[in-house]
Amino acid sequence: MNFFQRRKILKSTNAYDLIPIRRCEHTLEENGLVTILVPKFRNEKIAKFMLGRRGKYIFIHLDETGTFVWLAIDGISSIHALSEKLQLHFEETLEQAGSRVNKFMSRLYEERYITFKQLEDWEKNHQ
C-alpha cells in the first residue's frame, strides 16, 4: 500500500476509532518499564552482512506512561479505549489522556513501531 492510500484511509477514520497493532517486539525490564526492540535492518541478508557481531536491535526505552499504553495495545482496543484505560490508571481527565495517547500513537506510527488494524484490513481486502 502506498503513502496516498494509507493517508486516505487514516483521514477517513476518526483517530480515536483506530486500533493500533504492535509491529516490534519488546522486553520488560527489571524496573517494570518496556524497552521496544527495533530491528536495525528489515532484510535478514543485509543485517548479517552489515552487523557482523554487533547487536541487531535499536533499544527504545519507554517511561511509565509509554509502558502502560504499549502493554495495553492488544490489537482489539481502539485509541479511545486506550485513553480511557490511561485516564483510570493515572487519574487524568479523558481529554488529557486522549491527547497523550493520540500523540504517542502518532509518534509510534511515524516511526513504524505500530500499524493500525484498519490499514491491515484494507490490505487484506485489496490483494
N, C-alpha and C. Protein backbone atom coordinates (compact mmCIF):
# COMPACT_ATOMS: atom_id res chain seq x y z
N MET A 1 0.86 -1.17 0.00
CA MET A 1 0.00 0.00 0.00
C MET A 1 0.90 1.23 0.00
N ASN A 2 0.58 2.17 -0.85
CA ASN A 2 1.42 3.35 -0.93
C ASN A 2 0.97 4.43 0.07
N PHE A 3 1.77 5.47 0.14
CA PHE A 3 1.54 6.56 1.09
C PHE A 3 0.15 7.17 0.94
N PHE A 4 -0.28 7.41 -0.27
CA PHE A 4 -1.55 8.09 -0.51
C PHE A 4 -2.74 7.22 -0.11
N GLN A 5 -2.64 5.92 -0.32
CA GLN A 5 -3.71 5.03 0.11
C GLN A 5 -3.81 5.00 1.64
N ARG A 6 -2.64 4.89 2.31
CA ARG A 6 -2.65 4.90 3.79
C ARG A 6 -3.23 6.20 4.31
N ARG A 7 -2.80 7.29 3.70
CA ARG A 7 -3.27 8.61 4.14
C ARG A 7 -4.78 8.73 3.97
N LYS A 8 -5.31 8.26 2.86
CA LYS A 8 -6.75 8.33 2.60
C LYS A 8 -7.52 7.54 3.66
N ILE A 9 -7.05 6.34 3.99
CA ILE A 9 -7.72 5.52 4.99
C ILE A 9 -7.66 6.18 6.36
N LEU A 10 -6.49 6.68 6.73
CA LEU A 10 -6.35 7.30 8.05
C LEU A 10 -7.15 8.59 8.16
N LYS A 11 -7.22 9.36 7.08
CA LYS A 11 -8.00 10.60 7.12
C LYS A 11 -9.50 10.35 7.18
N SER A 12 -9.93 9.23 6.63
CA SER A 12 -11.36 8.94 6.62
C SER A 12 -11.84 8.26 7.90
N THR A 13 -10.93 7.97 8.80
CA THR A 13 -11.27 7.32 10.06
C THR A 13 -10.99 8.28 11.21
N ASN A 14 -11.90 8.34 12.16
CA ASN A 14 -11.68 9.13 13.37
C ASN A 14 -10.47 8.55 14.09
N ALA A 15 -9.54 9.40 14.49
CA ALA A 15 -8.30 8.94 15.14
C ALA A 15 -8.59 8.08 16.36
N TYR A 16 -9.62 8.41 17.10
CA TYR A 16 -9.93 7.66 18.33
C TYR A 16 -10.54 6.29 18.03
N ASP A 17 -10.96 6.05 16.78
CA ASP A 17 -11.51 4.75 16.40
C ASP A 17 -10.44 3.80 15.85
N LEU A 18 -9.25 4.31 15.59
CA LEU A 18 -8.18 3.46 15.07
C LEU A 18 -7.76 2.43 16.12
N ILE A 19 -7.41 1.25 15.64
CA ILE A 19 -7.00 0.16 16.53
C ILE A 19 -5.52 -0.12 16.26
N PRO A 20 -4.63 0.24 17.20
CA PRO A 20 -3.20 0.03 16.97
C PRO A 20 -2.80 -1.43 17.14
N ILE A 21 -1.77 -1.80 16.36
CA ILE A 21 -1.18 -3.13 16.42
C ILE A 21 0.34 -2.96 16.49
N ARG A 22 0.96 -3.61 17.46
CA ARG A 22 2.42 -3.51 17.59
C ARG A 22 3.11 -4.24 16.45
N ARG A 23 4.18 -3.62 15.94
CA ARG A 23 4.98 -4.23 14.88
C ARG A 23 6.35 -4.65 15.37
N CYS A 24 6.70 -4.26 16.58
CA CYS A 24 8.01 -4.56 17.14
C CYS A 24 7.87 -5.39 18.41
N GLU A 25 8.90 -6.15 18.68
CA GLU A 25 8.95 -6.89 19.93
C GLU A 25 9.35 -5.95 21.06
N HIS A 26 9.21 -6.43 22.29
CA HIS A 26 9.63 -5.63 23.43
C HIS A 26 10.12 -6.54 24.54
N THR A 27 10.82 -5.93 25.48
CA THR A 27 11.21 -6.64 26.69
C THR A 27 10.72 -5.82 27.87
N LEU A 28 10.50 -6.51 28.96
CA LEU A 28 10.09 -5.85 30.20
C LEU A 28 11.31 -5.84 31.11
N GLU A 29 11.77 -4.66 31.45
CA GLU A 29 12.97 -4.52 32.27
C GLU A 29 12.66 -4.82 33.73
N GLU A 30 13.70 -4.95 34.54
CA GLU A 30 13.54 -5.24 35.96
C GLU A 30 12.73 -4.17 36.68
N ASN A 31 12.84 -2.93 36.23
CA ASN A 31 12.12 -1.83 36.86
C ASN A 31 10.66 -1.75 36.41
N GLY A 32 10.23 -2.69 35.56
CA GLY A 32 8.84 -2.74 35.11
C GLY A 32 8.55 -1.93 33.86
N LEU A 33 9.57 -1.27 33.31
CA LEU A 33 9.38 -0.45 32.11
C LEU A 33 9.69 -1.26 30.86
N VAL A 34 9.07 -0.88 29.77
CA VAL A 34 9.23 -1.58 28.50
C VAL A 34 10.37 -0.96 27.70
N THR A 35 11.10 -1.84 27.03
CA THR A 35 12.08 -1.43 26.03
C THR A 35 11.63 -2.04 24.71
N ILE A 36 11.39 -1.20 23.71
CA ILE A 36 10.99 -1.66 22.38
C ILE A 36 12.25 -2.07 21.63
N LEU A 37 12.19 -3.23 20.98
CA LEU A 37 13.32 -3.74 20.21
C LEU A 37 13.05 -3.48 18.73
N VAL A 38 13.75 -2.51 18.17
CA VAL A 38 13.55 -2.13 16.78
C VAL A 38 14.69 -2.72 15.95
N PRO A 39 14.37 -3.58 14.98
CA PRO A 39 15.44 -4.15 14.15
C PRO A 39 16.18 -3.05 13.39
N LYS A 40 17.51 -3.14 13.37
CA LYS A 40 18.31 -2.15 12.63
C LYS A 40 18.09 -2.29 11.13
N PHE A 41 17.89 -3.54 10.67
CA PHE A 41 17.65 -3.80 9.26
C PHE A 41 16.49 -4.77 9.15
N ARG A 42 15.61 -4.55 8.20
CA ARG A 42 14.47 -5.45 7.99
C ARG A 42 14.84 -6.64 7.12
N ASN A 43 15.81 -6.47 6.25
CA ASN A 43 16.25 -7.54 5.37
C ASN A 43 17.33 -8.35 6.09
N GLU A 44 17.10 -9.65 6.27
CA GLU A 44 18.00 -10.51 7.03
C GLU A 44 19.39 -10.61 6.40
N LYS A 45 19.46 -10.68 5.08
CA LYS A 45 20.76 -10.80 4.41
C LYS A 45 21.60 -9.55 4.64
N ILE A 46 20.97 -8.41 4.52
CA ILE A 46 21.68 -7.15 4.75
C ILE A 46 22.10 -7.06 6.21
N ALA A 47 21.23 -7.47 7.12
CA ALA A 47 21.54 -7.43 8.54
C ALA A 47 22.78 -8.27 8.85
N LYS A 48 22.84 -9.47 8.32
CA LYS A 48 24.00 -10.34 8.56
C LYS A 48 25.28 -9.71 8.02
N PHE A 49 25.19 -9.13 6.84
CA PHE A 49 26.36 -8.52 6.21
C PHE A 49 26.82 -7.28 6.97
N MET A 50 25.89 -6.42 7.35
CA MET A 50 26.22 -5.13 7.95
C MET A 50 26.56 -5.23 9.44
N LEU A 51 25.92 -6.14 10.15
CA LEU A 51 26.06 -6.15 11.60
C LEU A 51 27.23 -6.97 12.12
N GLY A 52 27.50 -8.09 11.48
CA GLY A 52 28.56 -8.93 11.99
C GLY A 52 28.23 -9.38 13.40
N ARG A 53 29.01 -8.94 14.35
CA ARG A 53 28.80 -9.34 15.76
C ARG A 53 28.01 -8.30 16.55
N ARG A 54 27.75 -7.19 15.97
CA ARG A 54 27.01 -6.13 16.68
C ARG A 54 25.57 -6.54 16.90
N GLY A 55 24.91 -5.89 17.85
CA GLY A 55 23.51 -6.18 18.12
C GLY A 55 22.63 -5.84 16.94
N LYS A 56 21.54 -6.57 16.84
CA LYS A 56 20.67 -6.34 15.69
C LYS A 56 19.48 -5.44 16.00
N TYR A 57 19.42 -4.89 17.21
CA TYR A 57 18.29 -4.05 17.60
C TYR A 57 18.73 -2.67 18.06
N ILE A 58 17.84 -1.73 17.87
CA ILE A 58 17.93 -0.41 18.49
C ILE A 58 16.97 -0.48 19.66
N PHE A 59 17.37 0.00 20.82
CA PHE A 59 16.55 -0.09 22.03
C PHE A 59 15.87 1.25 22.30
N ILE A 60 14.55 1.22 22.40
CA ILE A 60 13.76 2.41 22.71
C ILE A 60 13.17 2.20 24.10
N HIS A 61 13.62 2.99 25.06
CA HIS A 61 13.18 2.85 26.45
C HIS A 61 11.97 3.76 26.69
N LEU A 62 10.89 3.17 27.19
CA LEU A 62 9.67 3.92 27.46
C LEU A 62 9.57 4.30 28.93
N ASP A 63 8.89 5.41 29.19
CA ASP A 63 8.63 5.81 30.57
C ASP A 63 7.40 5.06 31.08
N GLU A 64 6.94 5.42 32.27
CA GLU A 64 5.81 4.72 32.88
C GLU A 64 4.54 4.83 32.04
N THR A 65 4.25 6.02 31.52
CA THR A 65 3.05 6.20 30.70
C THR A 65 3.17 5.43 29.39
N GLY A 66 4.31 5.55 28.73
CA GLY A 66 4.53 4.83 27.48
C GLY A 66 4.44 3.33 27.68
N THR A 67 5.00 2.84 28.77
CA THR A 67 4.93 1.41 29.09
C THR A 67 3.49 0.96 29.26
N PHE A 68 2.71 1.76 30.01
CA PHE A 68 1.31 1.40 30.25
C PHE A 68 0.55 1.29 28.92
N VAL A 69 0.72 2.29 28.07
CA VAL A 69 0.00 2.31 26.80
C VAL A 69 0.50 1.19 25.88
N TRP A 70 1.83 0.99 25.79
CA TRP A 70 2.38 -0.04 24.92
C TRP A 70 1.83 -1.42 25.31
N LEU A 71 1.81 -1.71 26.60
CA LEU A 71 1.31 -3.01 27.06
C LEU A 71 -0.19 -3.15 26.87
N ALA A 72 -0.91 -2.03 26.81
CA ALA A 72 -2.36 -2.07 26.62
C ALA A 72 -2.75 -2.30 25.15
N ILE A 73 -1.80 -2.10 24.24
CA ILE A 73 -2.08 -2.35 22.82
C ILE A 73 -2.25 -3.84 22.62
N ASP A 74 -3.47 -4.24 22.24
CA ASP A 74 -3.78 -5.66 22.11
C ASP A 74 -4.34 -6.02 20.74
N GLY A 75 -4.43 -5.06 19.84
CA GLY A 75 -4.98 -5.33 18.51
C GLY A 75 -6.49 -5.35 18.49
N ILE A 76 -7.13 -5.09 19.62
CA ILE A 76 -8.59 -5.08 19.74
C ILE A 76 -9.08 -3.71 20.22
N SER A 77 -8.34 -3.12 21.16
CA SER A 77 -8.75 -1.85 21.76
C SER A 77 -8.43 -0.67 20.86
N SER A 78 -9.39 0.24 20.75
CA SER A 78 -9.20 1.45 19.96
C SER A 78 -8.38 2.46 20.77
N ILE A 79 -7.96 3.52 20.10
CA ILE A 79 -7.24 4.58 20.79
C ILE A 79 -8.12 5.19 21.87
N HIS A 80 -9.42 5.29 21.62
CA HIS A 80 -10.33 5.81 22.63
C HIS A 80 -10.35 4.90 23.86
N ALA A 81 -10.40 3.59 23.65
CA ALA A 81 -10.40 2.64 24.78
C ALA A 81 -9.08 2.72 25.55
N LEU A 82 -7.96 2.88 24.83
CA LEU A 82 -6.67 3.03 25.50
C LEU A 82 -6.62 4.31 26.31
N SER A 83 -7.24 5.37 25.79
CA SER A 83 -7.30 6.64 26.51
C SER A 83 -8.09 6.50 27.80
N GLU A 84 -9.19 5.76 27.73
CA GLU A 84 -9.99 5.53 28.94
C GLU A 84 -9.21 4.73 29.98
N LYS A 85 -8.46 3.74 29.53
CA LYS A 85 -7.63 2.95 30.46
C LYS A 85 -6.58 3.83 31.11
N LEU A 86 -5.94 4.68 30.31
CA LEU A 86 -4.92 5.59 30.84
C LEU A 86 -5.53 6.57 31.83
N GLN A 87 -6.71 7.07 31.50
CA GLN A 87 -7.41 8.01 32.37
C GLN A 87 -7.64 7.38 33.74
N LEU A 88 -8.13 6.16 33.77
CA LEU A 88 -8.41 5.50 35.04
C LEU A 88 -7.14 5.18 35.81
N HIS A 89 -6.11 4.76 35.11
CA HIS A 89 -4.87 4.36 35.78
C HIS A 89 -4.12 5.55 36.37
N PHE A 90 -4.04 6.63 35.64
CA PHE A 90 -3.27 7.79 36.08
C PHE A 90 -4.13 8.92 36.63
N GLU A 91 -5.44 8.68 36.73
CA GLU A 91 -6.39 9.66 37.28
C GLU A 91 -6.27 11.01 36.60
N GLU A 92 -6.39 11.01 35.29
CA GLU A 92 -6.38 12.23 34.48
C GLU A 92 -7.78 12.46 33.93
N THR A 93 -7.96 13.61 33.31
CA THR A 93 -9.22 13.81 32.61
C THR A 93 -9.14 13.02 31.29
N LEU A 94 -10.28 12.68 30.73
CA LEU A 94 -10.29 11.94 29.48
C LEU A 94 -9.66 12.76 28.36
N GLU A 95 -9.85 14.06 28.41
CA GLU A 95 -9.25 14.93 27.40
C GLU A 95 -7.73 14.87 27.45
N GLN A 96 -7.15 14.94 28.66
CA GLN A 96 -5.69 14.86 28.81
C GLN A 96 -5.17 13.51 28.35
N ALA A 97 -5.82 12.45 28.82
CA ALA A 97 -5.39 11.10 28.47
C ALA A 97 -5.51 10.88 26.97
N GLY A 98 -6.62 11.33 26.37
CA GLY A 98 -6.82 11.17 24.94
C GLY A 98 -5.76 11.88 24.13
N SER A 99 -5.42 13.07 24.54
CA SER A 99 -4.40 13.84 23.85
C SER A 99 -3.04 13.14 23.93
N ARG A 100 -2.70 12.66 25.12
CA ARG A 100 -1.41 11.98 25.31
C ARG A 100 -1.33 10.71 24.48
N VAL A 101 -2.39 9.91 24.51
CA VAL A 101 -2.39 8.64 23.77
C VAL A 101 -2.35 8.93 22.27
N ASN A 102 -3.11 9.89 21.82
CA ASN A 102 -3.14 10.22 20.39
C ASN A 102 -1.76 10.67 19.91
N LYS A 103 -1.09 11.53 20.66
CA LYS A 103 0.25 11.98 20.28
C LYS A 103 1.25 10.82 20.29
N PHE A 104 1.13 9.97 21.31
CA PHE A 104 2.03 8.83 21.42
C PHE A 104 1.82 7.87 20.25
N MET A 105 0.57 7.60 19.91
CA MET A 105 0.27 6.71 18.78
C MET A 105 0.77 7.30 17.47
N SER A 106 0.63 8.61 17.30
CA SER A 106 1.12 9.27 16.09
C SER A 106 2.62 9.07 15.95
N ARG A 107 3.32 9.25 17.05
CA ARG A 107 4.78 9.10 17.04
C ARG A 107 5.18 7.65 16.76
N LEU A 108 4.50 6.71 17.43
CA LEU A 108 4.80 5.29 17.20
C LEU A 108 4.54 4.90 15.75
N TYR A 109 3.47 5.44 15.17
CA TYR A 109 3.15 5.14 13.77
C TYR A 109 4.19 5.76 12.83
N GLU A 110 4.58 6.99 13.09
CA GLU A 110 5.59 7.65 12.26
C GLU A 110 6.89 6.86 12.24
N GLU A 111 7.25 6.31 13.39
CA GLU A 111 8.49 5.55 13.49
C GLU A 111 8.33 4.09 13.07
N ARG A 112 7.10 3.71 12.69
CA ARG A 112 6.77 2.36 12.21
C ARG A 112 6.90 1.29 13.29
N TYR A 113 6.66 1.68 14.54
CA TYR A 113 6.65 0.71 15.63
C TYR A 113 5.28 0.06 15.75
N ILE A 114 4.26 0.73 15.20
CA ILE A 114 2.90 0.19 15.19
C ILE A 114 2.29 0.40 13.80
N THR A 115 1.20 -0.28 13.57
CA THR A 115 0.34 -0.01 12.43
C THR A 115 -1.08 0.00 12.97
N PHE A 116 -2.05 0.09 12.10
CA PHE A 116 -3.43 0.10 12.55
C PHE A 116 -4.21 -1.01 11.88
N LYS A 117 -5.13 -1.59 12.60
CA LYS A 117 -5.94 -2.70 12.10
C LYS A 117 -6.66 -2.31 10.81
N GLN A 118 -7.13 -1.08 10.73
CA GLN A 118 -7.84 -0.62 9.54
C GLN A 118 -6.96 -0.70 8.29
N LEU A 119 -5.67 -0.40 8.44
CA LEU A 119 -4.75 -0.48 7.31
C LEU A 119 -4.50 -1.94 6.92
N GLU A 120 -4.33 -2.79 7.91
CA GLU A 120 -4.13 -4.22 7.61
C GLU A 120 -5.36 -4.83 6.96
N ASP A 121 -6.54 -4.46 7.45
CA ASP A 121 -7.78 -4.98 6.86
C ASP A 121 -7.91 -4.54 5.41
N TRP A 122 -7.58 -3.29 5.12
CA TRP A 122 -7.67 -2.79 3.75
C TRP A 122 -6.72 -3.58 2.84
N GLU A 123 -5.50 -3.81 3.33
CA GLU A 123 -4.54 -4.57 2.53
C GLU A 123 -5.03 -5.97 2.24
N LYS A 124 -5.61 -6.63 3.24
CA LYS A 124 -6.12 -8.00 3.05
C LYS A 124 -7.24 -8.02 2.02
N ASN A 125 -8.10 -7.00 2.03
CA ASN A 125 -9.24 -6.96 1.13
C ASN A 125 -8.88 -6.53 -0.30
N HIS A 126 -7.69 -5.98 -0.48
CA HIS A 126 -7.30 -5.46 -1.80
C HIS A 126 -6.08 -6.17 -2.38
N GLN A 127 -5.89 -7.40 -2.03
CA GLN A 127 -4.75 -8.15 -2.59
C GLN A 127 -5.19 -9.00 -3.73
